[in-house]
Amino acid sequence: ALKQKHDAKPLHPMDFWGNLYMTTKGLVIKAERRLLKNLGFCVHVKHPHKIVITFLQILEHEKNSQLAQRAWNCMNDLLMSDVFVRFTPETIACACIFLAARELKIPLPEDPAWWLLFDADYSDIQEISCTLIELYGRKKRPLDELLQAVRSLKKPEDIPKDNLTAENGPRLGGKSPVASAAVLKG
C-alpha cells in the first residue's frame, strides 16, 4: 500500500476471502507471536504522555498550550526510537519538557533543578534529547531503498512458496510488500 500511494496509484483492498489475504494474515500472526515471545509476554507499558501534563501542572506551566503541545509532539516523535525501553517514563517526560522549553525559550526553575523533583538525571535527559535531535536530523530514505532492505531481511520460510517471484519476494497486488545541538546548550 505504501508503494502504491508513493507511486500515486489507486489502492485496491485485498479480497477478504482470498488466499493472499489469509497468507498475509498468517504471516502477521506468526510475527506477532514471535515478538510477544521475545518480549516474554510482558507488554504492560506506562506511557509518559499523561506524566508530561502532570509535570507541567507541578511546574505551573499547564496553561501554556504551546509548551504542552510541543512536549507532547516530542513524546510522539520519540516513539520512533528505543528510548521507551531504556528510560523511565518520568525521565522521558522530563526530557520532552526540557526540549520543548528550550525550543520555545521558556525558562524553567534551575535552583534547584526542576527535573530533580521528578527523580530524573540530567545526563539521561541529555541523552534522550540528543536521541530526538538525531532523529530529526536523519535524512529521509527513499521508499524503494527501504523495501529492498525489508526484502533482504526476510527469511525464506516467511515467504509463501506459492507466492514467490523471480526476485524471491512475495507479490501483493502486483507490488512488492511493503533541532540542533544548540537547543541543548540553551
N, C-alpha and C. Protein backbone atom coordinates (compact mmCIF):
# COMPACT_ATOMS: atom_id res chain seq x y z
N ALA A 1 0.82 -1.19 0.00
CA ALA A 1 0.00 0.00 0.00
C ALA A 1 0.87 1.25 0.00
N LEU A 2 1.98 1.25 0.76
CA LEU A 2 2.86 2.42 0.77
C LEU A 2 3.42 2.69 -0.61
N LYS A 3 3.84 1.63 -1.29
CA LYS A 3 4.41 1.79 -2.63
C LYS A 3 3.36 2.30 -3.59
N GLN A 4 2.14 1.78 -3.50
CA GLN A 4 1.08 2.25 -4.38
C GLN A 4 0.77 3.73 -4.12
N LYS A 5 0.73 4.11 -2.87
CA LYS A 5 0.46 5.51 -2.52
C LYS A 5 1.60 6.39 -3.00
N HIS A 6 2.84 5.92 -2.81
CA HIS A 6 4.02 6.67 -3.23
C HIS A 6 4.03 6.88 -4.73
N ASP A 7 3.61 5.87 -5.48
CA ASP A 7 3.57 5.95 -6.95
C ASP A 7 2.28 6.59 -7.46
N ALA A 8 1.45 7.10 -6.55
CA ALA A 8 0.17 7.74 -6.88
C ALA A 8 -0.75 6.81 -7.66
N LYS A 9 -0.73 5.54 -7.31
CA LYS A 9 -1.62 4.56 -7.94
C LYS A 9 -2.80 4.32 -7.00
N PRO A 10 -3.95 3.95 -7.56
CA PRO A 10 -5.11 3.71 -6.70
C PRO A 10 -4.89 2.50 -5.79
N LEU A 11 -5.42 2.58 -4.59
CA LEU A 11 -5.30 1.49 -3.63
C LEU A 11 -6.47 0.52 -3.84
N HIS A 12 -6.15 -0.76 -3.90
CA HIS A 12 -7.18 -1.78 -4.06
C HIS A 12 -7.11 -2.70 -2.85
N PRO A 13 -8.21 -2.82 -2.10
CA PRO A 13 -8.18 -3.69 -0.93
C PRO A 13 -8.06 -5.15 -1.34
N MET A 14 -7.44 -5.93 -0.44
CA MET A 14 -7.31 -7.37 -0.68
C MET A 14 -8.67 -8.04 -0.57
N ASP A 15 -8.84 -9.12 -1.31
CA ASP A 15 -10.04 -9.93 -1.20
C ASP A 15 -10.02 -10.60 0.17
N PHE A 16 -11.00 -10.29 1.00
CA PHE A 16 -11.06 -10.77 2.38
C PHE A 16 -11.05 -12.30 2.45
N TRP A 17 -11.58 -12.97 1.46
CA TRP A 17 -11.66 -14.43 1.49
C TRP A 17 -10.58 -15.08 0.62
N GLY A 18 -9.71 -14.28 0.03
CA GLY A 18 -8.69 -14.81 -0.88
C GLY A 18 -7.49 -15.42 -0.17
N ASN A 19 -6.73 -16.20 -0.94
CA ASN A 19 -5.52 -16.86 -0.41
C ASN A 19 -4.47 -15.84 0.02
N LEU A 20 -4.31 -14.77 -0.74
CA LEU A 20 -3.30 -13.78 -0.41
C LEU A 20 -3.58 -13.15 0.95
N TYR A 21 -4.84 -12.81 1.21
CA TYR A 21 -5.22 -12.24 2.50
C TYR A 21 -4.94 -13.22 3.63
N MET A 22 -5.37 -14.46 3.45
CA MET A 22 -5.18 -15.47 4.50
C MET A 22 -3.69 -15.73 4.76
N THR A 23 -2.89 -15.77 3.70
CA THR A 23 -1.45 -15.98 3.85
C THR A 23 -0.81 -14.80 4.59
N THR A 24 -1.15 -13.60 4.18
CA THR A 24 -0.60 -12.40 4.82
C THR A 24 -1.02 -12.34 6.28
N LYS A 25 -2.27 -12.64 6.56
CA LYS A 25 -2.78 -12.66 7.93
C LYS A 25 -1.99 -13.66 8.78
N GLY A 26 -1.74 -14.83 8.22
CA GLY A 26 -0.96 -15.85 8.94
C GLY A 26 0.45 -15.38 9.24
N LEU A 27 1.08 -14.69 8.28
CA LEU A 27 2.43 -14.17 8.49
C LEU A 27 2.45 -13.10 9.59
N VAL A 28 1.43 -12.25 9.62
CA VAL A 28 1.35 -11.21 10.65
C VAL A 28 1.18 -11.84 12.03
N ILE A 29 0.31 -12.83 12.12
CA ILE A 29 0.08 -13.51 13.41
C ILE A 29 1.36 -14.20 13.87
N LYS A 30 2.06 -14.83 12.94
CA LYS A 30 3.32 -15.50 13.27
C LYS A 30 4.36 -14.49 13.78
N ALA A 31 4.44 -13.33 13.13
CA ALA A 31 5.39 -12.29 13.55
C ALA A 31 5.00 -11.73 14.92
N GLU A 32 3.70 -11.55 15.16
CA GLU A 32 3.24 -11.06 16.47
C GLU A 32 3.59 -12.05 17.57
N ARG A 33 3.39 -13.33 17.31
CA ARG A 33 3.73 -14.34 18.33
C ARG A 33 5.22 -14.35 18.64
N ARG A 34 6.03 -14.23 17.59
CA ARG A 34 7.49 -14.19 17.77
C ARG A 34 7.89 -12.97 18.61
N LEU A 35 7.28 -11.83 18.32
CA LEU A 35 7.56 -10.61 19.06
C LEU A 35 7.16 -10.74 20.52
N LEU A 36 5.96 -11.26 20.76
CA LEU A 36 5.49 -11.46 22.14
C LEU A 36 6.40 -12.42 22.90
N LYS A 37 6.85 -13.47 22.23
CA LYS A 37 7.74 -14.43 22.87
C LYS A 37 9.05 -13.76 23.25
N ASN A 38 9.60 -12.93 22.34
CA ASN A 38 10.85 -12.24 22.63
C ASN A 38 10.70 -11.23 23.76
N LEU A 39 9.50 -10.67 23.90
CA LEU A 39 9.24 -9.73 24.99
C LEU A 39 8.88 -10.44 26.28
N GLY A 40 8.83 -11.76 26.25
CA GLY A 40 8.45 -12.52 27.43
C GLY A 40 7.00 -12.27 27.82
N PHE A 41 6.18 -11.90 26.85
CA PHE A 41 4.76 -11.60 27.05
C PHE A 41 4.55 -10.47 28.06
N CYS A 42 5.58 -9.70 28.31
CA CYS A 42 5.48 -8.54 29.21
C CYS A 42 5.24 -7.31 28.33
N VAL A 43 3.99 -6.93 28.19
CA VAL A 43 3.65 -5.85 27.28
C VAL A 43 2.99 -4.66 27.98
N HIS A 44 2.98 -4.66 29.31
CA HIS A 44 2.42 -3.52 30.04
C HIS A 44 3.44 -2.38 29.99
N VAL A 45 3.01 -1.27 29.45
CA VAL A 45 3.89 -0.11 29.32
C VAL A 45 3.21 1.10 29.95
N LYS A 46 3.96 1.83 30.75
CA LYS A 46 3.44 3.07 31.33
C LYS A 46 3.90 4.21 30.42
N HIS A 47 2.96 4.76 29.65
CA HIS A 47 3.30 5.83 28.72
C HIS A 47 3.45 7.16 29.45
N PRO A 48 4.46 7.92 29.10
CA PRO A 48 4.70 9.19 29.79
C PRO A 48 3.83 10.35 29.33
N HIS A 49 2.89 10.13 28.40
CA HIS A 49 2.08 11.24 27.90
C HIS A 49 1.33 11.96 29.03
N LYS A 50 0.65 11.21 29.89
CA LYS A 50 -0.08 11.84 31.00
C LYS A 50 0.88 12.52 31.96
N ILE A 51 2.04 11.91 32.13
CA ILE A 51 3.02 12.43 33.07
C ILE A 51 3.48 13.83 32.65
N VAL A 52 3.61 14.06 31.35
CA VAL A 52 4.03 15.38 30.86
C VAL A 52 3.07 16.45 31.37
N ILE A 53 1.79 16.19 31.23
CA ILE A 53 0.79 17.17 31.66
C ILE A 53 0.84 17.37 33.17
N THR A 54 0.98 16.28 33.92
CA THR A 54 1.09 16.38 35.38
C THR A 54 2.31 17.20 35.78
N PHE A 55 3.45 16.93 35.13
CA PHE A 55 4.68 17.66 35.45
C PHE A 55 4.52 19.15 35.12
N LEU A 56 3.86 19.45 34.00
CA LEU A 56 3.64 20.85 33.64
C LEU A 56 2.75 21.54 34.67
N GLN A 57 1.79 20.82 35.24
CA GLN A 57 0.95 21.38 36.29
C GLN A 57 1.78 21.68 37.53
N ILE A 58 2.65 20.77 37.90
CA ILE A 58 3.51 20.97 39.07
C ILE A 58 4.45 22.16 38.85
N LEU A 59 4.93 22.32 37.60
CA LEU A 59 5.83 23.43 37.27
C LEU A 59 5.06 24.73 36.99
N GLU A 60 3.72 24.67 37.13
CA GLU A 60 2.83 25.80 36.92
C GLU A 60 2.90 26.34 35.49
N HIS A 61 2.99 25.43 34.53
CA HIS A 61 3.00 25.78 33.10
C HIS A 61 1.89 25.07 32.35
N GLU A 62 0.89 24.57 33.07
CA GLU A 62 -0.17 23.80 32.43
C GLU A 62 -1.03 24.64 31.49
N LYS A 63 -1.06 25.95 31.69
CA LYS A 63 -1.87 26.83 30.83
C LYS A 63 -1.15 27.19 29.53
N ASN A 64 0.14 26.89 29.46
CA ASN A 64 0.91 27.17 28.25
C ASN A 64 0.69 26.02 27.25
N SER A 65 -0.32 26.20 26.42
CA SER A 65 -0.69 25.12 25.49
C SER A 65 0.40 24.87 24.45
N GLN A 66 1.16 25.90 24.10
CA GLN A 66 2.23 25.72 23.12
C GLN A 66 3.33 24.81 23.69
N LEU A 67 3.68 25.01 24.94
CA LEU A 67 4.68 24.18 25.61
C LEU A 67 4.17 22.74 25.74
N ALA A 68 2.93 22.60 26.17
CA ALA A 68 2.35 21.26 26.33
C ALA A 68 2.30 20.53 24.98
N GLN A 69 1.88 21.23 23.93
CA GLN A 69 1.78 20.60 22.61
C GLN A 69 3.15 20.20 22.09
N ARG A 70 4.14 21.07 22.27
CA ARG A 70 5.50 20.76 21.78
C ARG A 70 6.08 19.58 22.55
N ALA A 71 5.88 19.53 23.86
CA ALA A 71 6.37 18.41 24.66
C ALA A 71 5.68 17.12 24.23
N TRP A 72 4.39 17.20 23.97
CA TRP A 72 3.61 16.04 23.51
C TRP A 72 4.14 15.57 22.16
N ASN A 73 4.43 16.51 21.26
CA ASN A 73 4.98 16.15 19.95
C ASN A 73 6.34 15.45 20.09
N CYS A 74 7.16 15.96 20.99
CA CYS A 74 8.46 15.31 21.24
C CYS A 74 8.25 13.87 21.70
N MET A 75 7.28 13.69 22.58
CA MET A 75 6.96 12.36 23.09
C MET A 75 6.57 11.43 21.94
N ASN A 76 5.69 11.89 21.08
CA ASN A 76 5.26 11.07 19.94
C ASN A 76 6.42 10.76 19.02
N ASP A 77 7.28 11.73 18.77
CA ASP A 77 8.43 11.50 17.90
C ASP A 77 9.40 10.49 18.50
N LEU A 78 9.52 10.49 19.81
CA LEU A 78 10.42 9.54 20.47
C LEU A 78 9.94 8.09 20.33
N LEU A 79 8.67 7.90 19.97
CA LEU A 79 8.17 6.54 19.73
C LEU A 79 8.91 5.87 18.58
N MET A 80 9.59 6.65 17.76
CA MET A 80 10.36 6.09 16.65
C MET A 80 11.78 5.69 17.08
N SER A 81 12.02 5.69 18.38
CA SER A 81 13.34 5.33 18.90
C SER A 81 13.20 4.24 19.95
N ASP A 82 14.32 3.88 20.56
CA ASP A 82 14.30 2.85 21.60
C ASP A 82 14.25 3.44 23.01
N VAL A 83 14.02 4.72 23.11
CA VAL A 83 14.03 5.44 24.38
C VAL A 83 13.05 4.84 25.40
N PHE A 84 11.90 4.40 24.93
CA PHE A 84 10.86 3.92 25.85
C PHE A 84 11.23 2.62 26.55
N VAL A 85 12.18 1.89 26.01
CA VAL A 85 12.61 0.66 26.68
C VAL A 85 13.90 0.87 27.47
N ARG A 86 14.50 2.04 27.36
CA ARG A 86 15.76 2.31 28.04
C ARG A 86 15.64 3.23 29.25
N PHE A 87 14.58 4.05 29.31
CA PHE A 87 14.46 5.04 30.36
C PHE A 87 13.08 4.96 31.01
N THR A 88 12.99 5.52 32.21
CA THR A 88 11.70 5.53 32.91
C THR A 88 10.78 6.56 32.25
N PRO A 89 9.47 6.36 32.37
CA PRO A 89 8.53 7.33 31.80
C PRO A 89 8.73 8.74 32.36
N GLU A 90 9.08 8.85 33.63
CA GLU A 90 9.29 10.15 34.25
C GLU A 90 10.48 10.89 33.62
N THR A 91 11.55 10.16 33.35
CA THR A 91 12.73 10.76 32.73
C THR A 91 12.42 11.19 31.29
N ILE A 92 11.67 10.38 30.58
CA ILE A 92 11.28 10.73 29.20
C ILE A 92 10.42 11.97 29.20
N ALA A 93 9.47 12.04 30.13
CA ALA A 93 8.61 13.23 30.24
C ALA A 93 9.45 14.47 30.52
N CYS A 94 10.42 14.36 31.41
CA CYS A 94 11.29 15.50 31.72
C CYS A 94 12.08 15.93 30.49
N ALA A 95 12.59 14.97 29.73
CA ALA A 95 13.35 15.30 28.52
C ALA A 95 12.47 16.03 27.50
N CYS A 96 11.23 15.60 27.36
CA CYS A 96 10.32 16.25 26.41
C CYS A 96 10.00 17.68 26.84
N ILE A 97 9.78 17.88 28.13
CA ILE A 97 9.53 19.23 28.65
C ILE A 97 10.79 20.08 28.49
N PHE A 98 11.94 19.49 28.78
CA PHE A 98 13.22 20.17 28.65
C PHE A 98 13.42 20.69 27.23
N LEU A 99 13.26 19.80 26.25
CA LEU A 99 13.46 20.19 24.85
C LEU A 99 12.44 21.23 24.41
N ALA A 100 11.18 21.02 24.76
CA ALA A 100 10.13 21.95 24.35
C ALA A 100 10.38 23.34 24.94
N ALA A 101 10.75 23.39 26.22
CA ALA A 101 11.02 24.68 26.87
C ALA A 101 12.21 25.37 26.23
N ARG A 102 13.25 24.62 25.91
CA ARG A 102 14.42 25.21 25.27
C ARG A 102 14.08 25.77 23.90
N GLU A 103 13.32 24.99 23.15
CA GLU A 103 12.95 25.42 21.80
C GLU A 103 12.08 26.68 21.83
N LEU A 104 11.17 26.74 22.80
CA LEU A 104 10.26 27.89 22.91
C LEU A 104 10.83 29.01 23.78
N LYS A 105 12.06 28.80 24.28
CA LYS A 105 12.74 29.79 25.12
C LYS A 105 11.92 30.14 26.37
N ILE A 106 11.40 29.11 27.01
CA ILE A 106 10.63 29.27 28.24
C ILE A 106 11.52 28.84 29.41
N PRO A 107 11.79 29.75 30.34
CA PRO A 107 12.67 29.39 31.47
C PRO A 107 11.94 28.47 32.45
N LEU A 108 12.69 27.52 32.96
CA LEU A 108 12.20 26.60 33.99
C LEU A 108 13.12 26.73 35.20
N PRO A 109 12.65 26.41 36.38
CA PRO A 109 13.47 26.58 37.60
C PRO A 109 14.80 25.80 37.52
N GLU A 110 15.88 26.49 37.92
CA GLU A 110 17.19 25.84 37.89
C GLU A 110 17.83 25.69 39.26
N ASP A 111 17.30 26.38 40.25
CA ASP A 111 17.90 26.30 41.58
C ASP A 111 16.82 26.06 42.62
N PRO A 112 16.50 24.86 42.96
CA PRO A 112 17.11 23.62 42.50
C PRO A 112 16.59 23.23 41.11
N ALA A 113 17.32 22.36 40.48
CA ALA A 113 16.94 21.93 39.13
C ALA A 113 15.58 21.25 39.16
N TRP A 114 14.68 21.67 38.29
CA TRP A 114 13.29 21.19 38.29
C TRP A 114 13.18 19.69 38.08
N TRP A 115 14.07 19.10 37.29
CA TRP A 115 13.97 17.66 36.99
C TRP A 115 14.26 16.79 38.21
N LEU A 116 14.93 17.35 39.20
CA LEU A 116 15.20 16.59 40.42
C LEU A 116 13.91 16.29 41.20
N LEU A 117 12.90 17.15 41.03
CA LEU A 117 11.60 16.90 41.65
C LEU A 117 11.00 15.57 41.17
N PHE A 118 11.38 15.18 39.97
CA PHE A 118 10.78 14.01 39.34
C PHE A 118 11.75 12.83 39.25
N ASP A 119 12.81 12.88 40.06
CA ASP A 119 13.81 11.81 40.12
C ASP A 119 14.45 11.52 38.76
N ALA A 120 14.66 12.55 37.98
CA ALA A 120 15.31 12.38 36.68
C ALA A 120 16.76 12.84 36.78
N ASP A 121 17.60 12.20 36.01
CA ASP A 121 19.03 12.51 35.98
C ASP A 121 19.32 13.37 34.75
N TYR A 122 20.08 14.44 34.93
CA TYR A 122 20.35 15.36 33.83
C TYR A 122 21.04 14.68 32.66
N SER A 123 21.95 13.75 32.95
CA SER A 123 22.65 13.08 31.84
C SER A 123 21.67 12.22 31.01
N ASP A 124 20.67 11.63 31.67
CA ASP A 124 19.65 10.87 30.94
C ASP A 124 18.78 11.80 30.09
N ILE A 125 18.45 12.95 30.64
CA ILE A 125 17.67 13.94 29.88
C ILE A 125 18.45 14.37 28.64
N GLN A 126 19.75 14.60 28.82
CA GLN A 126 20.58 14.98 27.68
C GLN A 126 20.63 13.86 26.63
N GLU A 127 20.77 12.63 27.09
CA GLU A 127 20.85 11.51 26.15
C GLU A 127 19.55 11.36 25.36
N ILE A 128 18.42 11.48 26.03
CA ILE A 128 17.13 11.40 25.34
C ILE A 128 16.99 12.57 24.37
N SER A 129 17.40 13.76 24.80
CA SER A 129 17.33 14.94 23.94
C SER A 129 18.19 14.76 22.69
N CYS A 130 19.39 14.25 22.88
CA CYS A 130 20.28 14.01 21.74
C CYS A 130 19.68 12.97 20.79
N THR A 131 19.04 11.95 21.34
CA THR A 131 18.39 10.94 20.51
C THR A 131 17.33 11.58 19.64
N LEU A 132 16.53 12.47 20.21
CA LEU A 132 15.47 13.12 19.44
C LEU A 132 16.05 14.07 18.40
N ILE A 133 17.05 14.82 18.76
CA ILE A 133 17.67 15.75 17.81
C ILE A 133 18.29 14.96 16.66
N GLU A 134 18.91 13.84 16.98
CA GLU A 134 19.49 12.98 15.95
C GLU A 134 18.39 12.43 15.03
N LEU A 135 17.28 12.08 15.62
CA LEU A 135 16.14 11.58 14.85
C LEU A 135 15.63 12.64 13.88
N TYR A 136 15.55 13.87 14.35
CA TYR A 136 15.11 14.97 13.49
C TYR A 136 16.10 15.24 12.36
N GLY A 137 17.36 14.95 12.60
CA GLY A 137 18.39 15.23 11.60
C GLY A 137 18.58 14.14 10.56
N ARG A 138 17.92 13.01 10.75
CA ARG A 138 18.07 11.91 9.79
C ARG A 138 17.54 12.29 8.42
N LYS A 139 18.27 11.84 7.42
CA LYS A 139 17.84 12.06 6.05
C LYS A 139 16.76 11.03 5.71
N LYS A 140 15.70 11.48 5.08
CA LYS A 140 14.62 10.59 4.71
C LYS A 140 15.10 9.67 3.59
N ARG A 141 14.94 8.36 3.79
CA ARG A 141 15.40 7.39 2.80
C ARG A 141 14.28 7.11 1.79
N PRO A 142 14.65 6.88 0.54
CA PRO A 142 13.63 6.58 -0.48
C PRO A 142 12.91 5.27 -0.17
N LEU A 143 11.64 5.22 -0.50
CA LEU A 143 10.81 4.05 -0.22
C LEU A 143 11.37 2.80 -0.88
N ASP A 144 11.85 2.91 -2.10
CA ASP A 144 12.40 1.75 -2.81
C ASP A 144 13.57 1.14 -2.04
N GLU A 145 14.40 1.99 -1.46
CA GLU A 145 15.55 1.53 -0.68
C GLU A 145 15.08 0.77 0.57
N LEU A 146 14.04 1.29 1.23
CA LEU A 146 13.51 0.63 2.41
C LEU A 146 12.87 -0.71 2.06
N LEU A 147 12.14 -0.77 0.97
CA LEU A 147 11.52 -2.02 0.54
C LEU A 147 12.59 -3.07 0.21
N GLN A 148 13.67 -2.64 -0.42
CA GLN A 148 14.77 -3.56 -0.74
C GLN A 148 15.40 -4.11 0.54
N ALA A 149 15.56 -3.25 1.54
CA ALA A 149 16.13 -3.69 2.82
C ALA A 149 15.21 -4.71 3.49
N VAL A 150 13.90 -4.48 3.45
CA VAL A 150 12.94 -5.44 4.02
C VAL A 150 13.03 -6.77 3.29
N ARG A 151 13.08 -6.72 1.98
CA ARG A 151 13.17 -7.97 1.19
C ARG A 151 14.44 -8.76 1.53
N SER A 152 15.54 -8.04 1.73
CA SER A 152 16.80 -8.73 2.00
C SER A 152 16.82 -9.37 3.39
N LEU A 153 16.00 -8.87 4.31
CA LEU A 153 15.96 -9.40 5.67
C LEU A 153 14.98 -10.55 5.85
N LYS A 154 14.10 -10.73 4.89
CA LYS A 154 13.10 -11.79 5.02
C LYS A 154 13.75 -13.15 4.95
N LYS A 155 13.27 -14.04 5.82
CA LYS A 155 13.74 -15.43 5.81
C LYS A 155 12.93 -16.18 4.76
N PRO A 156 13.55 -17.13 4.08
CA PRO A 156 12.83 -17.88 3.05
C PRO A 156 11.57 -18.57 3.60
N GLU A 157 11.59 -19.01 4.86
CA GLU A 157 10.42 -19.70 5.42
C GLU A 157 9.25 -18.75 5.67
N ASP A 158 9.52 -17.41 5.69
CA ASP A 158 8.45 -16.43 5.88
C ASP A 158 7.72 -16.12 4.58
N ILE A 159 8.27 -16.55 3.46
CA ILE A 159 7.68 -16.25 2.16
C ILE A 159 6.92 -17.47 1.68
N PRO A 160 5.60 -17.34 1.46
CA PRO A 160 4.82 -18.48 0.99
C PRO A 160 5.36 -18.99 -0.35
N LYS A 161 5.54 -20.31 -0.47
CA LYS A 161 6.13 -20.89 -1.68
C LYS A 161 5.30 -20.62 -2.93
N ASP A 162 3.98 -20.55 -2.78
CA ASP A 162 3.14 -20.31 -3.94
C ASP A 162 3.06 -18.83 -4.30
N ASN A 163 3.80 -17.99 -3.59
CA ASN A 163 3.71 -16.55 -3.81
C ASN A 163 5.08 -15.95 -4.10
N LEU A 164 6.04 -16.76 -4.58
CA LEU A 164 7.37 -16.26 -4.87
C LEU A 164 7.45 -15.68 -6.27
N THR A 165 8.35 -14.71 -6.42
CA THR A 165 8.60 -14.12 -7.73
C THR A 165 10.05 -14.38 -8.08
N ALA A 166 10.45 -13.90 -9.24
CA ALA A 166 11.85 -14.06 -9.65
C ALA A 166 12.78 -13.33 -8.69
N GLU A 167 12.28 -12.28 -8.04
CA GLU A 167 13.10 -11.53 -7.09
C GLU A 167 13.15 -12.21 -5.72
N ASN A 168 12.54 -13.39 -5.60
CA ASN A 168 12.44 -14.12 -4.34
C ASN A 168 11.70 -13.31 -3.29
N GLY A 169 10.68 -12.60 -3.71
CA GLY A 169 9.88 -11.83 -2.78
C GLY A 169 8.42 -11.99 -3.10
N PRO A 170 7.55 -11.87 -2.11
CA PRO A 170 6.12 -12.01 -2.36
C PRO A 170 5.58 -10.84 -3.17
N ARG A 171 4.49 -11.07 -3.85
CA ARG A 171 3.84 -10.02 -4.62
C ARG A 171 2.47 -9.77 -4.01
N LEU A 172 2.19 -8.54 -3.74
CA LEU A 172 0.90 -8.18 -3.18
C LEU A 172 0.20 -7.27 -4.18
N GLY A 173 -0.78 -7.78 -4.86
CA GLY A 173 -1.49 -6.98 -5.83
C GLY A 173 -0.59 -6.48 -6.92
N GLY A 174 0.46 -7.24 -7.28
CA GLY A 174 1.38 -6.83 -8.31
C GLY A 174 2.51 -5.95 -7.79
N LYS A 175 2.53 -5.67 -6.51
CA LYS A 175 3.57 -4.80 -5.93
C LYS A 175 4.30 -5.53 -4.82
N SER A 176 5.54 -5.18 -4.61
CA SER A 176 6.32 -5.76 -3.51
C SER A 176 5.76 -5.28 -2.17
N PRO A 177 5.88 -6.09 -1.03
CA PRO A 177 5.36 -5.65 0.26
C PRO A 177 6.10 -4.46 0.84
N VAL A 178 5.32 -4.61 1.39
CA VAL A 178 5.78 -3.45 2.00
C VAL A 178 6.93 -3.51 3.11
N ALA A 179 16.40 20.00 14.99
CA ALA A 179 16.73 20.81 16.07
C ALA A 179 18.21 20.85 16.21
N SER A 180 18.72 21.09 16.55
CA SER A 180 20.18 21.21 16.55
C SER A 180 20.74 21.08 17.96
N ALA A 181 22.07 20.95 18.08
CA ALA A 181 22.70 20.77 19.39
C ALA A 181 22.62 22.06 20.23
N ALA A 182 22.38 23.17 19.58
CA ALA A 182 22.27 24.43 20.32
C ALA A 182 21.08 24.43 21.25
N VAL A 183 20.11 23.66 20.96
CA VAL A 183 18.92 23.54 21.82
C VAL A 183 19.33 23.04 23.20
N LEU A 184 20.26 22.10 23.23
CA LEU A 184 20.71 21.53 24.50
C LEU A 184 21.46 22.55 25.35
N LYS A 185 22.23 23.39 24.66
CA LYS A 185 23.06 24.33 25.41
C LYS A 185 22.25 25.48 25.96
N GLY A 186 21.07 25.66 25.43
CA GLY A 186 20.14 26.65 26.00
C GLY A 186 20.34 27.98 25.40
